Amino acid sequence: PLVIACDVTGSMGEWPAVIFSKLPYLDLEGKEYLGEVLEISFAAVGDIYSDDYPLQIRPFSNGTNLTEQLKKLVVEGNGGGQHKESYT
């Protein structure tokens, strides 16, 4: 199992969209290095104070289903502006 978590509060600008657009290719490369039984779970971490979906975690999957799982993540980018992270 492999978990890929990305900050989607907005502080990373356009990078989450770029990262998410390339993640389905990870299935092919990951199987090369981690084995054919590789399954990936994608997570999006937002801001607890200003996002509607501050923590999103998709189920482990592989193959073409990875793209579908990525499409279900909501990238809000509403970082709270309180000069601290709300991860805790």
PDB file of N, CA and C in Angstrom:
ATOM      1  N   PRO A   1       0.827  -1.200   0.000  1.00  0.00           N
ATOM      2  CA  PRO A   1       0.000   0.000   0.000  1.00  0.00           C
ATOM      3  C   PRO A   1       0.867   1.259   0.000  1.00  0.00           C
ATOM      4  N   LEU A   2       0.382   2.278  -0.699  1.00  0.00           N
ATOM      5  CA  LEU A   2       1.075   3.561  -0.789  1.00  0.00           C
ATOM      6  C   LEU A   2       0.033   4.653  -0.619  1.00  0.00           C
ATOM      7  N   VAL A   3       0.309   5.633   0.258  1.00  0.00           N
ATOM      8  CA  VAL A   3      -0.588   6.762   0.463  1.00  0.00           C
ATOM      9  C   VAL A   3       0.098   8.017  -0.051  1.00  0.00           C
ATOM     10  N   ILE A   4      -0.601   8.774  -0.891  1.00  0.00           N
ATOM     11  CA  ILE A   4      -0.113  10.038  -1.418  1.00  0.00           C
ATOM     12  C   ILE A   4      -1.020  11.130  -0.860  1.00  0.00           C
ATOM     13  N   ALA A   5      -0.468  11.998  -0.013  1.00  0.00           N
ATOM     14  CA  ALA A   5      -1.243  13.094   0.579  1.00  0.00           C
ATOM     15  C   ALA A   5      -0.715  14.421   0.054  1.00  0.00           C
ATOM     16  N   CYS A   6      -1.628  15.315  -0.271  1.00  0.00           N
ATOM     17  CA  CYS A   6      -1.250  16.605  -0.834  1.00  0.00           C
ATOM     18  C   CYS A   6      -1.991  17.726  -0.103  1.00  0.00           C
ATOM     19  N   ASP A   7      -1.269  18.786   0.220  1.00  0.00           N
ATOM     20  CA  ASP A   7      -1.844  19.975   0.833  1.00  0.00           C
ATOM     21  C   ASP A   7      -2.643  20.723  -0.234  1.00  0.00           C
ATOM     22  N   VAL A   8      -3.926  20.955   0.015  1.00  0.00           N
ATOM     23  CA  VAL A   8      -4.771  21.656  -0.949  1.00  0.00           C
ATOM     24  C   VAL A   8      -5.359  22.934  -0.359  1.00  0.00           C
ATOM     25  N   THR A   9      -4.650  23.555   0.601  1.00  0.00           N
ATOM     26  CA  THR A   9      -5.140  24.775   1.251  1.00  0.00           C
ATOM     27  C   THR A   9      -5.018  25.998   0.360  1.00  0.00           C
ATOM     28  N   GLY A  10      -4.209  25.905  -0.676  1.00  0.00           N
ATOM     29  CA  GLY A  10      -3.988  27.040  -1.558  1.00  0.00           C
ATOM     30  C   GLY A  10      -2.578  27.574  -1.465  1.00  0.00           C
ATOM     31  N   SER A  11      -1.860  27.201  -0.412  1.00  0.00           N
ATOM     32  CA  SER A  11      -0.502  27.714  -0.229  1.00  0.00           C
ATOM     33  C   SER A  11       0.472  27.174  -1.274  1.00  0.00           C
ATOM     34  N   MET A  12       0.091  26.100  -1.951  1.00  0.00           N
ATOM     35  CA  MET A  12       0.964  25.524  -2.972  1.00  0.00           C
ATOM     36  C   MET A  12       0.603  26.010  -4.375  1.00  0.00           C
ATOM     37  N   GLY A  13      -0.288  26.971  -4.459  1.00  0.00           N
ATOM     38  CA  GLY A  13      -0.672  27.519  -5.758  1.00  0.00           C
ATOM     39  C   GLY A  13      -1.283  26.466  -6.664  1.00  0.00           C
ATOM     40  N   GLU A  14      -0.765  26.365  -7.882  1.00  0.00           N
ATOM     41  CA  GLU A  14      -1.280  25.430  -8.879  1.00  0.00           C
ATOM     42  C   GLU A  14      -0.687  24.031  -8.758  1.00  0.00           C
ATOM     43  N   TRP A  15       0.280  23.847  -7.862  1.00  0.00           N
ATOM     44  CA  TRP A  15       0.963  22.554  -7.772  1.00  0.00           C
ATOM     45  C   TRP A  15       0.047  21.366  -7.491  1.00  0.00           C
ATOM     46  N   PRO A  16      -0.950  21.454  -6.597  1.00  0.00           N
ATOM     47  CA  PRO A  16      -1.809  20.275  -6.398  1.00  0.00           C
ATOM     48  C   PRO A  16      -2.456  19.784  -7.690  1.00  0.00           C
ATOM     49  N   ALA A  17      -2.928  20.697  -8.529  1.00  0.00           N
ATOM     50  CA  ALA A  17      -3.545  20.297  -9.795  1.00  0.00           C
ATOM     51  C   ALA A  17      -2.536  19.602 -10.699  1.00  0.00           C
ATOM     52  N   VAL A  18      -1.310  20.113 -10.747  1.00  0.00           N
ATOM     53  CA  VAL A  18      -0.264  19.499 -11.562  1.00  0.00           C
ATOM     54  C   VAL A  18       0.081  18.114 -11.016  1.00  0.00           C
ATOM     55  N   ILE A  19       0.239  18.029  -9.702  1.00  0.00           N
ATOM     56  CA  ILE A  19       0.565  16.741  -9.072  1.00  0.00           C
ATOM     57  C   ILE A  19      -0.545  15.728  -9.339  1.00  0.00           C
ATOM     58  N   PHE A  20      -1.804  16.126  -9.104  1.00  0.00           N
ATOM     59  CA  PHE A  20      -2.915  15.208  -9.311  1.00  0.00           C
ATOM     60  C   PHE A  20      -3.021  14.761 -10.761  1.00  0.00           C
ATOM     61  N   SER A  21      -2.690  15.631 -11.701  1.00  0.00           N
ATOM     62  CA  SER A  21      -2.796  15.256 -13.116  1.00  0.00           C
ATOM     63  C   SER A  21      -1.785  14.178 -13.499  1.00  0.00           C
ATOM     64  N   LYS A  22      -0.711  14.075 -12.769  1.00  0.00           N
ATOM     65  CA  LYS A  22       0.336  13.097 -13.090  1.00  0.00           C
ATOM     66  C   LYS A  22       0.271  11.823 -12.246  1.00  0.00           C
ATOM     67  N   LEU A  23      -0.517  11.815 -11.194  1.00  0.00           N
ATOM     68  CA  LEU A  23      -0.543  10.670 -10.294  1.00  0.00           C
ATOM     69  C   LEU A  23      -1.012   9.351 -10.916  1.00  0.00           C
ATOM     70  N   PRO A  24      -1.947   9.352 -11.884  1.00  0.00           N
ATOM     71  CA  PRO A  24      -2.318   8.058 -12.461  1.00  0.00           C
ATOM     72  C   PRO A  24      -1.134   7.309 -13.087  1.00  0.00           C
ATOM     73  N   TYR A  25      -0.134   8.038 -13.573  1.00  0.00           N
ATOM     74  CA  TYR A  25       1.044   7.390 -14.140  1.00  0.00           C
ATOM     75  C   TYR A  25       1.861   6.663 -13.079  1.00  0.00           C
ATOM     76  N   LEU A  26       1.661   7.042 -11.835  1.00  0.00           N
ATOM     77  CA  LEU A  26       2.391   6.424 -10.736  1.00  0.00           C
ATOM     78  C   LEU A  26       2.085   4.927 -10.628  1.00  0.00           C
ATOM     79  N   ASP A  27       0.904   4.528 -11.044  1.00  0.00           N
ATOM     80  CA  ASP A  27       0.540   3.111 -10.997  1.00  0.00           C
ATOM     81  C   ASP A  27       1.521   2.275 -11.811  1.00  0.00           C
ATOM     82  N   LEU A  28       1.834   2.724 -13.006  1.00  0.00           N
ATOM     83  CA  LEU A  28       2.766   1.977 -13.866  1.00  0.00           C
ATOM     84  C   LEU A  28       4.171   1.948 -13.269  1.00  0.00           C
ATOM     85  N   GLU A  29       4.666   3.113 -12.887  1.00  0.00           N
ATOM     86  CA  GLU A  29       6.021   3.197 -12.329  1.00  0.00           C
ATOM     87  C   GLU A  29       6.106   2.490 -10.979  1.00  0.00           C
ATOM     88  N   GLY A  30       5.087   2.667 -10.167  1.00  0.00           N
ATOM     89  CA  GLY A  30       5.091   2.053  -8.840  1.00  0.00           C
ATOM     90  C   GLY A  30       5.141   0.542  -8.905  1.00  0.00           C
ATOM     91  N   LYS A  31       4.420  -0.038  -9.846  1.00  0.00           N
ATOM     92  CA  LYS A  31       4.433  -1.492  -9.986  1.00  0.00           C
ATOM     93  C   LYS A  31       5.815  -1.988 -10.407  1.00  0.00           C
ATOM     94  N   GLU A  32       6.526  -1.169 -11.156  1.00  0.00           N
ATOM     95  CA  GLU A  32       7.883  -1.530 -11.572  1.00  0.00           C
ATOM     96  C   GLU A  32       8.809  -1.675 -10.356  1.00  0.00           C
ATOM     97  N   TYR A  33       8.643  -0.772  -9.389  1.00  0.00           N
ATOM     98  CA  TYR A  33       9.549  -0.744  -8.245  1.00  0.00           C
ATOM     99  C   TYR A  33       8.987  -1.389  -6.982  1.00  0.00           C
ATOM    100  N   LEU A  34       7.660  -1.369  -6.817  1.00  0.00           N
ATOM    101  CA  LEU A  34       7.056  -1.862  -5.585  1.00  0.00           C
ATOM    102  C   LEU A  34       6.279  -3.163  -5.754  1.00  0.00           C
ATOM    103  N   GLY A  35       6.143  -3.632  -6.983  1.00  0.00           N
ATOM    104  CA  GLY A  35       5.469  -4.900  -7.229  1.00  0.00           C
ATOM    105  C   GLY A  35       4.089  -4.744  -7.828  1.00  0.00           C
ATOM    106  N   GLU A  36       3.633  -5.811  -8.435  1.00  0.00           N
ATOM    107  CA  GLU A  36       2.349  -5.825  -9.142  1.00  0.00           C
ATOM    108  C   GLU A  36       1.140  -5.651  -8.230  1.00  0.00           C
ATOM    109  N   VAL A  37       1.296  -5.912  -6.943  1.00  0.00           N
ATOM    110  CA  VAL A  37       0.152  -5.818  -6.027  1.00  0.00           C
ATOM    111  C   VAL A  37      -0.018  -4.411  -5.445  1.00  0.00           C
ATOM    112  N   LEU A  38       0.698  -3.438  -5.988  1.00  0.00           N
ATOM    113  CA  LEU A  38       0.643  -2.066  -5.506  1.00  0.00           C
ATOM    114  C   LEU A  38      -0.779  -1.518  -5.556  1.00  0.00           C
ATOM    115  N   GLU A  39      -1.203  -0.909  -4.460  1.00  0.00           N
ATOM    116  CA  GLU A  39      -2.459  -0.173  -4.407  1.00  0.00           C
ATOM    117  C   GLU A  39      -2.168   1.183  -3.794  1.00  0.00           C
ATOM    118  N   ILE A  40      -2.842   2.212  -4.295  1.00  0.00           N
ATOM    119  CA  ILE A  40      -2.569   3.585  -3.885  1.00  0.00           C
ATOM    120  C   ILE A  40      -3.839   4.226  -3.338  1.00  0.00           C
ATOM    121  N   SER A  41      -3.669   4.978  -2.248  1.00  0.00           N
ATOM    122  CA  SER A  41      -4.744   5.782  -1.685  1.00  0.00           C
ATOM    123  C   SER A  41      -4.325   7.240  -1.785  1.00  0.00           C
ATOM    124  N   PHE A  42      -5.199   8.086  -2.339  1.00  0.00           N
ATOM    125  CA  PHE A  42      -4.916   9.502  -2.453  1.00  0.00           C
ATOM    126  C   PHE A  42      -5.628  10.259  -1.334  1.00  0.00           C
ATOM    127  N   ALA A  43      -4.956  11.274  -0.793  1.00  0.00           N
ATOM    128  CA  ALA A  43      -5.543  12.092   0.264  1.00  0.00           C
ATOM    129  C   ALA A  43      -5.314  13.566  -0.048  1.00  0.00           C
ATOM    130  N   ALA A  44      -6.280  14.386   0.309  1.00  0.00           N
ATOM    131  CA  ALA A  44      -6.178  15.835   0.159  1.00  0.00           C
ATOM    132  C   ALA A  44      -6.378  16.451   1.541  1.00  0.00           C
ATOM    133  N   VAL A  45      -5.432  17.286   1.959  1.00  0.00           N
ATOM    134  CA  VAL A  45      -5.486  17.914   3.271  1.00  0.00           C
ATOM    135  C   VAL A  45      -5.753  19.403   3.092  1.00  0.00           C
ATOM    136  N   GLY A  46      -6.874  19.855   3.608  1.00  0.00           N
ATOM    137  CA  GLY A  46      -7.245  21.260   3.504  1.00  0.00           C
ATOM    138  C   GLY A  46      -7.124  21.955   4.842  1.00  0.00           C
ATOM    139  N   ASP A  47      -7.903  23.005   5.026  1.00  0.00           N
ATOM    140  CA  ASP A  47      -7.887  23.801   6.250  1.00  0.00           C
ATOM    141  C   ASP A  47      -9.164  23.527   7.042  1.00  0.00           C
ATOM    142  N   ILE A  48      -9.011  23.145   8.289  1.00  0.00           N
ATOM    143  CA  ILE A  48     -10.149  22.764   9.129  1.00  0.00           C
ATOM    144  C   ILE A  48     -11.091  23.941   9.389  1.00  0.00           C
ATOM    145  N   TYR A  49     -10.557  25.159   9.343  1.00  0.00           N
ATOM    146  CA  TYR A  49     -11.354  26.333   9.671  1.00  0.00           C
ATOM    147  C   TYR A  49     -12.117  26.914   8.481  1.00  0.00           C
ATOM    148  N   SER A  50     -11.604  26.740   7.277  1.00  0.00           N
ATOM    149  CA  SER A  50     -12.224  27.431   6.148  1.00  0.00           C
ATOM    150  C   SER A  50     -12.638  26.544   4.978  1.00  0.00           C
ATOM    151  N   ASP A  51     -12.322  25.266   5.008  1.00  0.00           N
ATOM    152  CA  ASP A  51     -12.715  24.361   3.929  1.00  0.00           C
ATOM    153  C   ASP A  51     -13.928  23.534   4.322  1.00  0.00           C
ATOM    154  N   ASP A  52     -14.745  23.202   3.345  1.00  0.00           N
ATOM    155  CA  ASP A  52     -15.872  22.292   3.587  1.00  0.00           C
ATOM    156  C   ASP A  52     -15.400  20.848   3.709  1.00  0.00           C
ATOM    157  N   TYR A  53     -14.285  20.535   3.044  1.00  0.00           N
ATOM    158  CA  TYR A  53     -13.740  19.177   3.040  1.00  0.00           C
ATOM    159  C   TYR A  53     -12.268  19.230   3.473  1.00  0.00           C
ATOM    160  N   PRO A  54     -11.995  19.419   4.763  1.00  0.00           N
ATOM    161  CA  PRO A  54     -10.613  19.605   5.202  1.00  0.00           C
ATOM    162  C   PRO A  54      -9.746  18.357   5.121  1.00  0.00           C
ATOM    163  N   LEU A  55     -10.340  17.190   5.170  1.00  0.00           N
ATOM    164  CA  LEU A  55      -9.568  15.953   5.053  1.00  0.00           C
ATOM    165  C   LEU A  55     -10.345  14.974   4.181  1.00  0.00           C
ATOM    166  N   GLN A  56      -9.733  14.600   3.071  1.00  0.00           N
ATOM    167  CA  GLN A  56     -10.350  13.650   2.144  1.00  0.00           C
ATOM    168  C   GLN A  56      -9.381  12.505   1.904  1.00  0.00           C
ATOM    169  N   ILE A  57      -9.873  11.301   2.041  1.00  0.00           N
ATOM    170  CA  ILE A  57      -9.036  10.124   1.817  1.00  0.00           C
ATOM    171  C   ILE A  57      -9.819   9.154   0.954  1.00  0.00           C
ATOM    172  N   ARG A  58      -9.244   8.786  -0.172  1.00  0.00           N
ATOM    173  CA  ARG A  58      -9.889   7.850  -1.087  1.00  0.00           C
ATOM    174  C   ARG A  58      -9.430   6.431  -0.775  1.00  0.00           C
ATOM    175  N   PRO A  59     -10.265   5.439  -1.069  1.00  0.00           N
ATOM    176  CA  PRO A  59      -9.881   4.051  -0.797  1.00  0.00           C
ATOM    177  C   PRO A  59      -8.705   3.599  -1.666  1.00  0.00           C
ATOM    178  N   PHE A  60      -7.992   2.603  -1.188  1.00  0.00           N
ATOM    179  CA  PHE A  60      -6.892   2.037  -1.967  1.00  0.00           C
ATOM    180  C   PHE A  60      -7.446   1.447  -3.256  1.00  0.00           C
ATOM    181  N   SER A  61      -6.748   1.712  -4.346  1.00  0.00           N
ATOM    182  CA  SER A  61      -7.152   1.177  -5.642  1.00  0.00           C
ATOM    183  C   SER A  61      -5.930   1.110  -6.546  1.00  0.00           C
ATOM    184  N   ASN A  62      -6.153   0.645  -7.770  1.00  0.00           N
ATOM    185  CA  ASN A  62      -5.058   0.562  -8.742  1.00  0.00           C
ATOM    186  C   ASN A  62      -5.639   0.637 -10.153  1.00  0.00           C
ATOM    187  N   GLY A  63      -4.754   0.666 -11.124  1.00  0.00           N
ATOM    188  CA  GLY A  63      -5.181   0.672 -12.524  1.00  0.00           C
ATOM    189  C   GLY A  63      -5.985   1.904 -12.898  1.00  0.00           C
ATOM    190  N   THR A  64      -6.934   1.710 -13.791  1.00  0.00           N
ATOM    191  CA  THR A  64      -7.719   2.835 -14.290  1.00  0.00           C
ATOM    192  C   THR A  64      -8.620   3.442 -13.216  1.00  0.00           C
ATOM    193  N   ASN A  65      -8.884   2.718 -12.160  1.00  0.00           N
ATOM    194  CA  ASN A  65      -9.715   3.240 -11.069  1.00  0.00           C
ATOM    195  C   ASN A  65      -9.032   4.397 -10.341  1.00  0.00           C
ATOM    196  N   LEU A  66      -7.706   4.513 -10.434  1.00  0.00           N
ATOM    197  CA  LEU A  66      -6.994   5.609  -9.781  1.00  0.00           C
ATOM    198  C   LEU A  66      -7.479   6.965 -10.289  1.00  0.00           C
ATOM    199  N   THR A  67      -7.706   7.073 -11.578  1.00  0.00           N
ATOM    200  CA  THR A  67      -8.180   8.334 -12.146  1.00  0.00           C
ATOM    201  C   THR A  67      -9.541   8.695 -11.574  1.00  0.00           C
ATOM    202  N   GLU A  68     -10.417   7.722 -11.446  1.00  0.00           N
ATOM    203  CA  GLU A  68     -11.744   7.970 -10.877  1.00  0.00           C
ATOM    204  C   GLU A  68     -11.644   8.420  -9.428  1.00  0.00           C
ATOM    205  N   GLN A  69     -10.743   7.814  -8.671  1.00  0.00           N
ATOM    206  CA  GLN A  69     -10.566   8.204  -7.270  1.00  0.00           C
ATOM    207  C   GLN A  69     -10.040   9.641  -7.166  1.00  0.00           C
ATOM    208  N   LEU A  70      -9.129  10.023  -8.037  1.00  0.00           N
ATOM    209  CA  LEU A  70      -8.607  11.397  -8.032  1.00  0.00           C
ATOM    210  C   LEU A  70      -9.698  12.413  -8.361  1.00  0.00           C
ATOM    211  N   LYS A  71     -10.579  12.077  -9.266  1.00  0.00           N
ATOM    212  CA  LYS A  71     -11.648  12.994  -9.663  1.00  0.00           C
ATOM    213  C   LYS A  71     -12.611  13.277  -8.513  1.00  0.00           C
ATOM    214  N   LYS A  72     -12.646  12.403  -7.534  1.00  0.00           N
ATOM    215  CA  LYS A  72     -13.558  12.572  -6.400  1.00  0.00           C
ATOM    216  C   LYS A  72     -13.005  13.511  -5.325  1.00  0.00           C
ATOM    217  N   LEU A  73     -11.729  13.889  -5.437  1.00  0.00           N
ATOM    218  CA  LEU A  73     -11.150  14.831  -4.480  1.00  0.00           C
ATOM    219  C   LEU A  73     -11.574  16.254  -4.841  1.00  0.00           C
ATOM    220  N   VAL A  74     -11.864  17.050  -3.833  1.00  0.00           N
ATOM    221  CA  VAL A  74     -12.261  18.437  -4.022  1.00  0.00           C
ATOM    222  C   VAL A  74     -11.096  19.324  -3.581  1.00  0.00           C
ATOM    223  N   VAL A  75     -10.534  20.084  -4.521  1.00  0.00           N
ATOM    224  CA  VAL A  75      -9.436  20.999  -4.205  1.00  0.00           C
ATOM    225  C   VAL A  75     -10.051  22.376  -4.002  1.00  0.00           C
ATOM    226  N   GLU A  76     -10.201  22.777  -2.732  1.00  0.00           N
ATOM    227  CA  GLU A  76     -10.872  24.036  -2.427  1.00  0.00           C
ATOM    228  C   GLU A  76      -9.919  25.228  -2.431  1.00  0.00           C
ATOM    229  N   GLY A  77      -8.753  25.090  -1.839  1.00  0.00           N
ATOM    230  CA  GLY A  77      -7.783  26.184  -1.821  1.00  0.00           C
ATOM    231  C   GLY A  77      -8.209  27.364  -0.984  1.00  0.00           C
ATOM    232  N   ASN A  78      -8.952  27.120   0.092  1.00  0.00           N
ATOM    233  CA  ASN A  78      -9.451  28.210   0.932  1.00  0.00           C
ATOM    234  C   ASN A  78      -8.595  28.447   2.174  1.00  0.00           C
ATOM    235  N   GLY A  79      -7.316  28.200   2.100  1.00  0.00           N
ATOM    236  CA  GLY A  79      -6.446  28.365   3.268  1.00  0.00           C
ATOM    237  C   GLY A  79      -6.904  29.487   4.166  1.00  0.00           C
ATOM    238  N   GLY A  80      -6.904  29.225   5.447  1.00  0.00           N
ATOM    239  CA  GLY A  80      -7.523  30.114   6.423  1.00  0.00           C
ATOM    240  C   GLY A  80      -6.882  31.470   6.595  1.00  0.00           C
ATOM    241  N   GLY A  81      -5.614  31.639   6.275  1.00  0.00           N
ATOM    242  CA  GLY A  81      -4.975  32.921   6.460  1.00  0.00           C
ATOM    243  C   GLY A  81      -4.688  33.250   7.912  1.00  0.00           C
ATOM    244  N   GLN A  82      -4.765  32.254   8.786  1.00  0.00           N
ATOM    245  CA  GLN A  82      -4.499  32.501  10.200  1.00  0.00           C
ATOM    246  C   GLN A  82      -3.026  32.298  10.568  1.00  0.00           C
ATOM    247  N   HIS A  83      -2.177  32.199   9.552  1.00  0.00           N
ATOM    248  CA  HIS A  83      -0.722  32.094   9.728  1.00  0.00           C
ATOM    249  C   HIS A  83      -0.290  30.847  10.479  1.00  0.00           C
ATOM    250  N   LYS A  84      -1.090  29.799  10.396  1.00  0.00           N
ATOM    251  CA  LYS A  84      -0.713  28.515  10.986  1.00  0.00           C
ATOM    252  C   LYS A  84      -1.473  27.414  10.256  1.00  0.00           C
ATOM    253  N   GLU A  85      -0.946  26.215  10.338  1.00  0.00           N
ATOM    254  CA  GLU A  85      -1.612  25.068   9.732  1.00  0.00           C
ATOM    255  C   GLU A  85      -2.591  24.466  10.725  1.00  0.00           C
ATOM    256  N   SER A  86      -3.621  23.848  10.219  1.00  0.00           N
ATOM    257  CA  SER A  86      -4.630  23.242  11.097  1.00  0.00           C
ATOM    258  C   SER A  86      -4.549  21.715  11.076  1.00  0.00           C
ATOM    259  N   TYR A  87      -3.384  21.182  10.736  1.00  0.00           N
ATOM    260  CA  TYR A  87      -3.234  19.728  10.644  1.00  0.00           C
ATOM    261  C   TYR A  87      -3.571  19.005  11.938  1.00  0.00           C
ATOM    262  N   THR A  88      -3.234  19.607  13.070  1.00  0.00           N
ATOM    263  CA  THR A  88      -3.485  18.937  14.330  1.00  0.00           C
ATOM    264  C   THR A  88      -4.981  18.848  14.600  1.00  0.00           C
TER     265      THR A  88
END
